[in-house]
């Protein structure tokens, strides 16, 4: 059974973290205060962290479901003694 694909939320979080790179570069170039840079970095790392945690939860759920399916016999044939 193949692994589940990434969800739309996970992909959106990864995309947002990548799109924050030009924002970070612009803020670094234009703003003298370190706080906006710090905020951009925290937001990007937060997006990555949440996406990875969602993926780990998704894979753990997938492993539990596949383990449960493998432990229950799929086709139990009942043979009656006549």
Protein backbone atom coordinates (compact mmCIF):
# COMPACT_ATOMS: atom_id res chain seq x y z
CA UNK A 1 0.00 0.00 0.00
CA UNK A 2 1.64 3.31 -1.02
CA UNK A 3 2.12 6.16 1.44
CA UNK A 4 -0.58 8.83 1.46
CA UNK A 5 0.02 11.99 -0.51
CA UNK A 6 0.60 15.29 1.20
CA UNK A 7 -2.55 17.25 1.96
CA UNK A 8 -3.37 20.68 0.60
CA UNK A 9 -2.72 22.27 4.00
CA UNK A 10 0.77 20.78 4.14
CA UNK A 11 1.59 21.96 0.63
CA UNK A 12 0.21 25.43 1.40
CA UNK A 13 2.40 25.69 4.49
CA UNK A 14 5.51 24.61 2.59
CA UNK A 15 4.69 27.10 -0.18
CA UNK A 16 4.14 29.90 2.31
CA UNK A 17 7.49 29.23 3.97
CA UNK A 18 9.23 29.36 0.58
CA UNK A 19 7.41 32.56 -0.39
CA UNK A 20 8.59 34.19 2.82
CA UNK A 21 12.19 34.08 1.59
CA UNK A 22 11.85 37.12 -0.73
CA UNK A 23 9.97 38.95 2.03
CA UNK A 24 12.81 38.19 4.42
CA UNK A 25 15.40 39.39 1.91
CA UNK A 26 13.46 42.61 1.28
CA UNK A 27 13.04 43.27 5.01
CA UNK A 28 16.75 42.59 5.57
CA UNK A 29 17.68 45.01 2.81
CA UNK A 30 15.25 47.83 3.66
CA UNK A 31 14.54 47.73 7.40
CA UNK A 32 17.16 48.53 9.99
CA UNK A 33 15.36 46.98 12.94
CA UNK A 34 16.06 43.29 13.54
CA UNK A 35 12.52 42.52 14.76
CA UNK A 36 10.81 42.23 11.35
CA UNK A 37 13.58 39.87 10.21
CA UNK A 38 13.13 37.83 13.35
CA UNK A 39 9.37 37.70 12.72
CA UNK A 40 9.86 36.50 9.13
CA UNK A 41 12.24 33.78 10.26
CA UNK A 42 9.89 32.63 13.02
CA UNK A 43 6.93 32.56 10.64
CA UNK A 44 8.84 30.55 8.04
CA UNK A 45 10.14 28.05 10.60
CA UNK A 46 6.69 27.84 12.15
CA UNK A 47 5.15 26.96 8.79
CA UNK A 48 7.77 24.27 8.22
CA UNK A 49 7.30 22.85 11.70
CA UNK A 50 3.51 22.69 11.48
CA UNK A 51 3.70 21.05 8.03
CA UNK A 52 6.15 18.44 9.32
CA UNK A 53 4.03 17.73 12.38
CA UNK A 54 0.94 17.31 10.21
CA UNK A 55 2.86 14.93 7.94
CA UNK A 56 4.11 12.88 10.90
CA UNK A 57 0.57 12.62 12.26
CA UNK A 58 -0.70 11.58 8.84
CA UNK A 59 1.98 8.88 8.50
CA UNK A 60 1.38 7.59 12.05
CA UNK A 61 -2.34 7.28 11.31
CA UNK A 62 -1.53 5.50 8.04
CA UNK A 63 0.77 3.04 9.82
CA UNK A 64 -1.85 2.31 12.48
CA UNK A 65 -4.54 1.71 9.86
CA UNK A 66 -2.31 -0.54 7.77
CA UNK A 67 -1.25 -2.50 10.86
CA UNK A 68 -4.89 -2.92 11.86
CA UNK A 69 -5.79 -4.12 8.37
CA UNK A 70 -2.97 -6.65 8.32
CA UNK A 71 -3.88 -8.07 11.74
CA UNK A 72 -7.53 -8.68 10.80
CA UNK A 73 -8.00 -11.49 8.29
CA UNK A 74 -9.54 -10.16 5.10
CA UNK A 75 -11.45 -13.21 3.98
CA UNK A 76 -12.46 -15.55 6.73
CA UNK A 77 -14.06 -18.57 5.21
CA UNK A 78 -16.43 -20.35 7.51
CA UNK A 79 -16.60 -24.04 6.94
CA UNK A 80 -19.52 -25.80 8.52
CA UNK A 81 -19.31 -29.45 9.34
CA UNK A 82 -22.31 -31.19 7.79
